PDB file of all heavy atoms in Angstrom:
ATOM      1  N   PRO A   1     -43.555   6.151  49.328  1.00  0.00           N
ATOM      2  CA  PRO A   1     -43.115   5.945  50.712  1.00  0.00           C
ATOM      3  C   PRO A   1     -41.574   5.654  50.780  1.00  0.00           C
ATOM      4  O   PRO A   1     -40.972   6.112  51.721  1.00  0.00           O
ATOM      5  CB  PRO A   1     -43.894   5.003  51.258  1.00  0.00           C
ATOM      6  CG  PRO A   1     -45.266   5.029  50.417  1.00  0.00           C
ATOM      7  CD  PRO A   1     -44.806   5.313  49.108  1.00  0.00           C
ATOM      8  N   ARG A   2     -41.123   4.946  49.781  1.00  0.00           N
ATOM      9  CA  ARG A   2     -39.690   4.391  49.932  1.00  0.00           C
ATOM     10  C   ARG A   2     -38.727   5.364  49.222  1.00  0.00           C
ATOM     11  O   ARG A   2     -37.567   5.039  49.234  1.00  0.00           O
ATOM     12  CB  ARG A   2     -39.697   2.901  49.234  1.00  0.00           C
ATOM     13  CG  ARG A   2     -40.548   2.006  49.953  1.00  0.00           C
ATOM     14  CD  ARG A   2     -40.431   0.595  49.636  1.00  0.00           C
ATOM     15  NE  ARG A   2     -41.466  -0.261  50.051  1.00  0.00           N
ATOM     16  CZ  ARG A   2     -41.479  -0.716  51.412  1.00  0.00           C
ATOM     17  NH1 ARG A   2     -40.564  -0.399  52.149  1.00  0.00           N
ATOM     18  NH2 ARG A   2     -42.534  -1.480  51.694  1.00  0.00           N
ATOM     19  N   THR A   3     -39.280   6.374  48.478  1.00  0.00           N
ATOM     20  CA  THR A   3     -38.311   7.208  47.866  1.00  0.00           C
ATOM     21  C   THR A   3     -38.309   8.675  48.180  1.00  0.00           C
ATOM     22  O   THR A   3     -37.448   9.410  48.011  1.00  0.00           O
ATOM     23  CB  THR A   3     -38.518   7.081  46.258  1.00  0.00           C
ATOM     24  OG1 THR A   3     -39.874   7.486  45.934  1.00  0.00           O
ATOM     25  CG2 THR A   3     -38.400   5.660  45.791  1.00  0.00           C
ATOM     26  N   LEU A   4     -39.504   9.112  48.677  1.00  0.00           N
ATOM     27  CA  LEU A   4     -39.586  10.632  49.030  1.00  0.00           C
ATOM     28  C   LEU A   4     -38.610  10.941  50.072  1.00  0.00           C
ATOM     29  O   LEU A   4     -38.572  10.353  51.139  1.00  0.00           O
ATOM     30  CB  LEU A   4     -41.032  10.959  49.347  1.00  0.00           C
ATOM     31  CG  LEU A   4     -42.093  11.059  48.368  1.00  0.00           C
ATOM     32  CD1 LEU A   4     -43.499  11.297  49.011  1.00  0.00           C
ATOM     33  CD2 LEU A   4     -41.896  12.255  47.438  1.00  0.00           C
ATOM     34  N   SER A   5     -37.914  12.049  49.851  1.00  0.00           N
ATOM     35  CA  SER A   5     -36.924  12.543  50.847  1.00  0.00           C
ATOM     36  C   SER A   5     -36.519  13.929  50.406  1.00  0.00           C
ATOM     37  O   SER A   5     -36.594  14.243  49.246  1.00  0.00           O
ATOM     38  CB  SER A   5     -35.765  11.696  50.800  1.00  0.00           C
ATOM     39  OG  SER A   5     -35.007  11.752  49.665  1.00  0.00           O
ATOM     40  N   PRO A   6     -35.963  14.767  51.344  1.00  0.00           N
ATOM     41  CA  PRO A   6     -35.433  15.961  50.930  1.00  0.00           C
ATOM     42  C   PRO A   6     -34.305  15.872  49.823  1.00  0.00           C
ATOM     43  O   PRO A   6     -34.281  16.789  48.902  1.00  0.00           O
ATOM     44  CB  PRO A   6     -34.839  16.621  52.282  1.00  0.00           C
ATOM     45  CG  PRO A   6     -35.640  15.907  53.225  1.00  0.00           C
ATOM     46  CD  PRO A   6     -35.891  14.519  52.676  1.00  0.00           C
ATOM     47  N   GLU A   7     -33.580  14.842  49.895  1.00  0.00           N
ATOM     48  CA  GLU A   7     -32.444  14.605  48.900  1.00  0.00           C
ATOM     49  C   GLU A   7     -33.044  14.365  47.446  1.00  0.00           C
ATOM     50  O   GLU A   7     -32.494  14.863  46.633  1.00  0.00           O
ATOM     51  CB  GLU A   7     -31.676  13.384  49.369  1.00  0.00           C
ATOM     52  CG  GLU A   7     -30.852  13.636  50.665  1.00  0.00           C
ATOM     53  CD  GLU A   7     -31.621  13.444  51.824  1.00  0.00           C
ATOM     54  OE1 GLU A   7     -32.750  12.917  51.899  1.00  0.00           O
ATOM     55  OE2 GLU A   7     -31.192  14.094  52.962  1.00  0.00           O
ATOM     56  N   LEU A   8     -34.175  13.585  47.459  1.00  0.00           N
ATOM     57  CA  LEU A   8     -34.780  13.440  46.141  1.00  0.00           C
ATOM     58  C   LEU A   8     -35.254  14.802  45.631  1.00  0.00           C
ATOM     59  O   LEU A   8     -34.907  15.018  44.361  1.00  0.00           O
ATOM     60  CB  LEU A   8     -35.899  12.416  46.209  1.00  0.00           C
ATOM     61  CG  LEU A   8     -36.807  12.349  45.003  1.00  0.00           C
ATOM     62  CD1 LEU A   8     -35.953  11.773  43.768  1.00  0.00           C
ATOM     63  CD2 LEU A   8     -37.992  11.547  45.233  1.00  0.00           C
ATOM     64  N   MET A   9     -35.812  15.624  46.340  1.00  0.00           N
ATOM     65  CA  MET A   9     -36.295  16.901  45.936  1.00  0.00           C
ATOM     66  C   MET A   9     -35.223  17.720  45.416  1.00  0.00           C
ATOM     67  O   MET A   9     -35.343  18.397  44.438  1.00  0.00           O
ATOM     68  CB  MET A   9     -37.111  17.534  47.065  1.00  0.00           C
ATOM     69  CG  MET A   9     -38.432  16.861  47.554  1.00  0.00           C
ATOM     70  SD  MET A   9     -39.565  16.661  46.222  1.00  0.00           S
ATOM     71  CE  MET A   9     -41.017  16.128  47.072  1.00  0.00           C
ATOM     72  N   GLU A  10     -34.111  17.701  46.061  1.00  0.00           N
ATOM     73  CA  GLU A  10     -32.972  18.466  45.539  1.00  0.00           C
ATOM     74  C   GLU A  10     -32.521  17.976  44.160  1.00  0.00           C
ATOM     75  O   GLU A  10     -32.145  18.767  43.314  1.00  0.00           O
ATOM     76  CB  GLU A  10     -31.873  18.485  46.534  1.00  0.00           C
ATOM     77  CG  GLU A  10     -32.189  19.247  47.837  1.00  0.00           C
ATOM     78  CD  GLU A  10     -32.588  20.732  47.549  1.00  0.00           C
ATOM     79  OE1 GLU A  10     -31.885  21.371  46.699  1.00  0.00           O
ATOM     80  OE2 GLU A  10     -33.605  21.084  48.070  1.00  0.00           O
ATOM     81  N   ARG A  11     -32.504  16.648  44.080  1.00  0.00           N
ATOM     82  CA  ARG A  11     -32.037  15.998  42.684  1.00  0.00           C
ATOM     83  C   ARG A  11     -32.996  16.440  41.611  1.00  0.00           C
ATOM     84  O   ARG A  11     -32.598  16.823  40.561  1.00  0.00           O
ATOM     85  CB  ARG A  11     -31.897  14.512  42.848  1.00  0.00           C
ATOM     86  CG  ARG A  11     -30.801  14.072  43.661  1.00  0.00           C
ATOM     87  CD  ARG A  11     -30.516  12.698  43.232  1.00  0.00           C
ATOM     88  NE  ARG A  11     -31.484  11.625  43.390  1.00  0.00           N
ATOM     89  CZ  ARG A  11     -31.934  11.071  44.420  1.00  0.00           C
ATOM     90  NH1 ARG A  11     -31.339  11.291  45.623  1.00  0.00           N
ATOM     91  NH2 ARG A  11     -32.890  10.164  44.376  1.00  0.00           N
ATOM     92  N   LEU A  12     -34.302  16.481  41.925  1.00  0.00           N
ATOM     93  CA  LEU A  12     -35.274  16.869  40.961  1.00  0.00           C
ATOM     94  C   LEU A  12     -35.195  18.321  40.630  1.00  0.00           C
ATOM     95  O   LEU A  12     -35.458  18.763  39.399  1.00  0.00           O
ATOM     96  CB  LEU A  12     -36.741  16.598  41.504  1.00  0.00           C
ATOM     97  CG  LEU A  12     -37.028  14.996  41.654  1.00  0.00           C
ATOM     98  CD1 LEU A  12     -38.399  14.876  42.266  1.00  0.00           C
ATOM     99  CD2 LEU A  12     -36.969  14.269  40.278  1.00  0.00           C
ATOM    100  N   ARG A  13     -34.999  19.206  41.637  1.00  0.00           N
ATOM    101  CA  ARG A  13     -34.737  20.671  41.232  1.00  0.00           C
ATOM    102  C   ARG A  13     -33.549  20.869  40.454  1.00  0.00           C
ATOM    103  O   ARG A  13     -33.544  21.801  39.609  1.00  0.00           O
ATOM    104  CB  ARG A  13     -34.637  21.376  42.666  1.00  0.00           C
ATOM    105  CG  ARG A  13     -36.084  21.496  43.377  1.00  0.00           C
ATOM    106  CD  ARG A  13     -35.879  22.500  44.569  1.00  0.00           C
ATOM    107  NE  ARG A  13     -37.213  22.570  45.318  1.00  0.00           N
ATOM    108  CZ  ARG A  13     -37.643  21.878  46.268  1.00  0.00           C
ATOM    109  NH1 ARG A  13     -36.692  20.923  46.792  1.00  0.00           N
ATOM    110  NH2 ARG A  13     -38.713  22.017  46.810  1.00  0.00           N
ATOM    111  N   ALA A  14     -32.561  20.101  40.673  1.00  0.00           N
ATOM    112  CA  ALA A  14     -31.290  20.364  39.878  1.00  0.00           C
ATOM    113  C   ALA A  14     -31.393  19.716  38.504  1.00  0.00           C
ATOM    114  O   ALA A  14     -30.509  19.995  37.613  1.00  0.00           O
ATOM    115  CB  ALA A  14     -30.127  19.689  40.622  1.00  0.00           C
ATOM    116  N   ALA A  15     -32.428  18.996  38.151  1.00  0.00           N
ATOM    117  CA  ALA A  15     -32.421  18.235  36.800  1.00  0.00           C
ATOM    118  C   ALA A  15     -32.676  19.169  35.733  1.00  0.00           C
ATOM    119  O   ALA A  15     -33.423  20.262  35.813  1.00  0.00           O
ATOM    120  CB  ALA A  15     -33.545  17.171  36.942  1.00  0.00           C
ATOM    121  N   ASP A  16     -32.089  18.898  34.538  1.00  0.00           N
ATOM    122  CA  ASP A  16     -32.462  19.721  33.260  1.00  0.00           C
ATOM    123  C   ASP A  16     -33.659  19.211  32.733  1.00  0.00           C
ATOM    124  O   ASP A  16     -33.683  18.081  31.838  1.00  0.00           O
ATOM    125  CB  ASP A  16     -31.247  19.653  32.403  1.00  0.00           C
ATOM    126  CG  ASP A  16     -31.475  20.359  31.088  1.00  0.00           C
ATOM    127  OD1 ASP A  16     -32.494  21.056  31.022  1.00  0.00           O
ATOM    128  OD2 ASP A  16     -30.712  20.211  30.192  1.00  0.00           O
ATOM    129  N   LEU A  17     -34.861  19.656  32.977  1.00  0.00           N
ATOM    130  CA  LEU A  17     -36.055  19.071  32.481  1.00  0.00           C
ATOM    131  C   LEU A  17     -36.154  19.124  31.064  1.00  0.00           C
ATOM    132  O   LEU A  17     -36.827  18.296  30.331  1.00  0.00           O
ATOM    133  CB  LEU A  17     -37.280  19.777  33.218  1.00  0.00           C
ATOM    134  CG  LEU A  17     -37.437  19.646  34.730  1.00  0.00           C
ATOM    135  CD1 LEU A  17     -38.674  20.476  35.146  1.00  0.00           C
ATOM    136  CD2 LEU A  17     -37.482  18.178  35.126  1.00  0.00           C
ATOM    137  N   SER A  18     -35.578  19.967  30.420  1.00  0.00           N
ATOM    138  CA  SER A  18     -35.718  20.207  29.071  1.00  0.00           C
ATOM    139  C   SER A  18     -35.022  18.978  28.313  1.00  0.00           C
ATOM    140  O   SER A  18     -35.364  18.823  27.087  1.00  0.00           O
ATOM    141  CB  SER A  18     -35.208  21.429  28.522  1.00  0.00           C
ATOM    142  OG  SER A  18     -33.787  21.611  28.757  1.00  0.00           O
ATOM    143  N   ALA A  19     -34.205  18.251  28.863  1.00  0.00           N
ATOM    144  CA  ALA A  19     -33.449  17.235  28.267  1.00  0.00           C
ATOM    145  C   ALA A  19     -34.272  15.888  28.522  1.00  0.00           C
ATOM    146  O   ALA A  19     -33.834  14.772  27.995  1.00  0.00           O
ATOM    147  CB  ALA A  19     -32.085  17.080  28.920  1.00  0.00           C
ATOM    148  N   LEU A  20     -35.387  15.872  29.187  1.00  0.00           N
ATOM    149  CA  LEU A  20     -36.078  14.682  29.580  1.00  0.00           C
ATOM    150  C   LEU A  20     -37.371  14.474  28.649  1.00  0.00           C
ATOM    151  O   LEU A  20     -37.925  15.527  28.246  1.00  0.00           O
ATOM    152  CB  LEU A  20     -36.483  14.726  31.061  1.00  0.00           C
ATOM    153  CG  LEU A  20     -35.348  14.715  31.948  1.00  0.00           C
ATOM    154  CD1 LEU A  20     -35.802  14.891  33.433  1.00  0.00           C
ATOM    155  CD2 LEU A  20     -34.506  13.460  31.994  1.00  0.00           C
ATOM    156  N   PRO A  21     -37.876  13.341  28.536  1.00  0.00           N
ATOM    157  CA  PRO A  21     -38.890  12.993  27.514  1.00  0.00           C
ATOM    158  C   PRO A  21     -40.162  13.680  28.064  1.00  0.00           C
ATOM    159  O   PRO A  21     -40.441  13.779  29.297  1.00  0.00           O
ATOM    160  CB  PRO A  21     -39.077  11.475  27.535  1.00  0.00           C
ATOM    161  CG  PRO A  21     -37.728  11.000  28.029  1.00  0.00           C
ATOM    162  CD  PRO A  21     -37.164  12.053  28.889  1.00  0.00           C
ATOM    163  N   VAL A  22     -41.086  14.190  27.191  1.00  0.00           N
ATOM    164  CA  VAL A  22     -42.372  14.656  27.484  1.00  0.00           C
ATOM    165  C   VAL A  22     -43.341  13.461  27.517  1.00  0.00           C
ATOM    166  O   VAL A  22     -43.285  12.571  26.607  1.00  0.00           O
ATOM    167  CB  VAL A  22     -42.779  15.692  26.485  1.00  0.00           C
ATOM    168  CG1 VAL A  22     -44.329  16.196  26.774  1.00  0.00           C
ATOM    169  CG2 VAL A  22     -41.950  16.982  26.515  1.00  0.00           C
ATOM    170  N   VAL A  23     -44.125  13.373  28.610  1.00  0.00           N
ATOM    171  CA  VAL A  23     -45.167  12.404  28.678  1.00  0.00           C
ATOM    172  C   VAL A  23     -46.446  12.838  27.990  1.00  0.00           C
ATOM    173  O   VAL A  23     -46.982  13.895  28.330  1.00  0.00           O
ATOM    174  CB  VAL A  23     -45.348  11.924  30.053  1.00  0.00           C
ATOM    175  CG1 VAL A  23     -46.402  10.839  30.236  1.00  0.00           C
ATOM    176  CG2 VAL A  23     -44.104  11.385  30.763  1.00  0.00           C
ATOM    177  N   GLN A  24     -46.952  12.127  27.034  1.00  0.00           N
ATOM    178  CA  GLN A  24     -48.036  12.645  26.285  1.00  0.00           C
ATOM    179  C   GLN A  24     -49.452  12.422  26.951  1.00  0.00           C
ATOM    180  O   GLN A  24     -50.324  13.096  26.509  1.00  0.00           O
ATOM    181  CB  GLN A  24     -47.991  11.729  24.897  1.00  0.00           C
ATOM    182  CG  GLN A  24     -46.853  12.151  24.092  1.00  0.00           C
ATOM    183  CD  GLN A  24     -46.650  13.457  23.735  1.00  0.00           C
ATOM    184  OE1 GLN A  24     -47.599  14.244  23.527  1.00  0.00           O
ATOM    185  NE2 GLN A  24     -45.370  13.906  23.536  1.00  0.00           N
ATOM    186  N   GLY A  25     -49.557  11.574  27.924  1.00  0.00           N
ATOM    187  CA  GLY A  25     -50.743  11.530  28.584  1.00  0.00           C
ATOM    188  C   GLY A  25     -51.187  10.043  28.948  1.00  0.00           C
ATOM    189  O   GLY A  25     -50.234   9.189  29.095  1.00  0.00           O
ATOM    190  N   GLY A  26     -52.456   9.888  29.250  1.00  0.00           N
ATOM    191  CA  GLY A  26     -52.902   8.602  29.701  1.00  0.00           C
ATOM    192  C   GLY A  26     -53.602   8.912  31.054  1.00  0.00           C
ATOM    193  O   GLY A  26     -53.981   9.944  31.391  1.00  0.00           O
ATOM    194  N   ARG A  27     -53.804   7.821  31.862  1.00  0.00           N
ATOM    195  CA  ARG A  27     -54.583   7.962  33.107  1.00  0.00           C
ATOM    196  C   ARG A  27     -53.645   8.716  34.004  1.00  0.00           C
ATOM    197  O   ARG A  27     -52.429   8.478  34.269  1.00  0.00           O
ATOM    198  CB  ARG A  27     -54.840   6.576  33.773  1.00  0.00           C
ATOM    199  CG  ARG A  27     -55.389   6.641  35.129  1.00  0.00           C
ATOM    200  CD  ARG A  27     -55.521   5.335  35.780  1.00  0.00           C
ATOM    201  NE  ARG A  27     -56.005   5.368  37.141  1.00  0.00           N
ATOM    202  CZ  ARG A  27     -55.113   5.251  38.173  1.00  0.00           C
ATOM    203  NH1 ARG A  27     -53.819   5.070  37.971  1.00  0.00           N
ATOM    204  NH2 ARG A  27     -55.682   5.354  39.446  1.00  0.00           N
ATOM    205  N   VAL A  28     -54.256   9.647  34.704  1.00  0.00           N
ATOM    206  CA  VAL A  28     -53.506  10.438  35.741  1.00  0.00           C
ATOM    207  C   VAL A  28     -53.706   9.684  37.139  1.00  0.00           C
ATOM    208  O   VAL A  28     -54.763   9.478  37.574  1.00  0.00           O
ATOM    209  CB  VAL A  28     -54.059  11.842  35.847  1.00  0.00           C
ATOM    210  CG1 VAL A  28     -53.239  12.612  37.046  1.00  0.00           C
ATOM    211  CG2 VAL A  28     -53.950  12.606  34.597  1.00  0.00           C
ATOM    212  N   ALA A  29     -52.512   9.170  37.548  1.00  0.00           N
ATOM    213  CA  ALA A  29     -52.470   8.467  38.765  1.00  0.00           C
ATOM    214  C   ALA A  29     -52.410   9.435  40.001  1.00  0.00           C
ATOM    215  O   ALA A  29     -52.112  10.614  39.734  1.00  0.00           O
ATOM    216  CB  ALA A  29     -51.399   7.469  38.779  1.00  0.00           C
ATOM    217  N   PRO A  30     -52.577   8.928  41.150  1.00  0.00           N
ATOM    218  CA  PRO A  30     -52.298   9.868  42.430  1.00  0.00           C
ATOM    219  C   PRO A  30     -50.699  10.308  42.239  1.00  0.00           C
ATOM    220  O   PRO A  30     -49.972   9.561  41.671  1.00  0.00           O
ATOM    221  CB  PRO A  30     -52.430   8.999  43.555  1.00  0.00           C
ATOM    222  CG  PRO A  30     -53.331   7.923  43.039  1.00  0.00           C
ATOM    223  CD  PRO A  30     -52.991   7.666  41.568  1.00  0.00           C
ATOM    224  N   PRO A  31     -50.490  11.461  42.744  1.00  0.00           N
ATOM    225  CA  PRO A  31     -49.068  11.981  42.432  1.00  0.00           C
ATOM    226  C   PRO A  31     -48.005  11.163  43.180  1.00  0.00           C
ATOM    227  O   PRO A  31     -46.811  11.381  42.934  1.00  0.00           O
ATOM    228  CB  PRO A  31     -49.136  13.449  42.921  1.00  0.00           C
ATOM    229  CG  PRO A  31     -50.239  13.479  43.762  1.00  0.00           C
ATOM    230  CD  PRO A  31     -51.216  12.448  43.383  1.00  0.00           C
ATOM    231  N   THR A  32     -48.298  10.468  44.186  1.00  0.00           N
ATOM    232  CA  THR A  32     -47.386   9.526  44.854  1.00  0.00           C
ATOM    233  C   THR A  32     -48.028   8.150  44.877  1.00  0.00           C
ATOM    234  O   THR A  32     -49.225   7.994  44.893  1.00  0.00           O
ATOM    235  CB  THR A  32     -46.957   9.994  46.186  1.00  0.00           C
ATOM    236  OG1 THR A  32     -48.070  10.027  47.076  1.00  0.00           O
ATOM    237  CG2 THR A  32     -46.378  11.517  46.126  1.00  0.00           C
ATOM    238  N   ALA A  33     -47.165   7.172  45.060  1.00  0.00           N
ATOM    239  CA  ALA A  33     -47.666   5.711  45.265  1.00  0.00           C
ATOM    240  C   ALA A  33     -48.415   5.640  46.556  1.00  0.00           C
ATOM    241  O   ALA A  33     -48.384   6.526  47.399  1.00  0.00           O
ATOM    242  CB  ALA A  33     -46.552   4.737  45.192  1.00  0.00           C
ATOM    243  N   GLN A  34     -49.212   4.653  46.686  1.00  0.00           N
ATOM    244  CA  GLN A  34     -50.057   4.393  47.887  1.00  0.00           C
ATOM    245  C   GLN A  34     -49.280   4.614  49.084  1.00  0.00           C
ATOM    246  O   GLN A  34     -48.263   4.005  49.393  1.00  0.00           O
ATOM    247  CB  GLN A  34     -50.685   3.038  47.803  1.00  0.00           C
ATOM    248  CG  GLN A  34     -51.671   2.710  48.932  1.00  0.00           C
ATOM    249  CD  GLN A  34     -52.405   1.458  48.775  1.00  0.00           C
ATOM    250  OE1 GLN A  34     -53.149   1.229  47.822  1.00  0.00           O
ATOM    251  NE2 GLN A  34     -52.318   0.494  49.726  1.00  0.00           N
ATOM    252  N   PRO A  35     -49.784   5.415  50.050  1.00  0.00           N
ATOM    253  CA  PRO A  35     -49.126   5.594  51.286  1.00  0.00           C
ATOM    254  C   PRO A  35     -49.227   4.399  52.224  1.00  0.00           C
ATOM    255  O   PRO A  35     -50.121   3.693  52.181  1.00  0.00           O
ATOM    256  CB  PRO A  35     -49.756   7.018  51.711  1.00  0.00           C
ATOM    257  CG  PRO A  35     -51.237   6.805  51.332  1.00  0.00           C
ATOM    258  CD  PRO A  35     -50.944   6.283  49.865  1.00  0.00           C
ATOM    259  N   PHE A  36     -48.279   4.643  53.235  1.00  0.00           N
ATOM    260  CA  PHE A  36     -48.496   3.560  54.216  1.00  0.00           C
ATOM    261  C   PHE A  36     -49.677   3.961  55.193  1.00  0.00           C
ATOM    262  O   PHE A  36     -50.281   3.060  55.679  1.00  0.00           O
ATOM    263  CB  PHE A  36     -47.252   3.528  55.143  1.00  0.00           C
ATOM    264  CG  PHE A  36     -45.936   2.953  54.584  1.00  0.00           C
ATOM    265  CD1 PHE A  36     -44.698   3.423  54.826  1.00  0.00           C
ATOM    266  CD2 PHE A  36     -45.995   1.969  53.581  1.00  0.00           C
ATOM    267  CE1 PHE A  36     -43.624   2.966  54.201  1.00  0.00           C
ATOM    268  CE2 PHE A  36     -44.949   1.461  52.936  1.00  0.00           C
ATOM    269  CZ  PHE A  36     -43.717   2.018  53.211  1.00  0.00           C
ATOM    270  N   ASN A  37     -49.936   5.180  55.379  1.00  0.00           N
ATOM    271  CA  ASN A  37     -50.996   5.753  56.203  1.00  0.00           C
ATOM    272  C   ASN A  37     -51.811   6.827  55.518  1.00  0.00           C
ATOM    273  O   ASN A  37     -51.126   7.723  54.884  1.00  0.00           O
ATOM    274  CB  ASN A  37     -50.411   6.190  57.496  1.00  0.00           C
ATOM    275  CG  ASN A  37     -49.697   5.113  58.329  1.00  0.00           C
ATOM    276  OD1 ASN A  37     -50.374   4.168  58.823  1.00  0.00           O
ATOM    277  ND2 ASN A  37     -48.392   5.204  58.362  1.00  0.00           N
TER     278      ASN A  37
END
């Protein structure tokens, strides 16, 4: 809730994912933090 925004989405789209670490696994959490509503 405190970070989702169109601006964040644009930064993520522009990121070079190949340069970022691969996460090997573990518990899959909900895709966003607990919502306000």
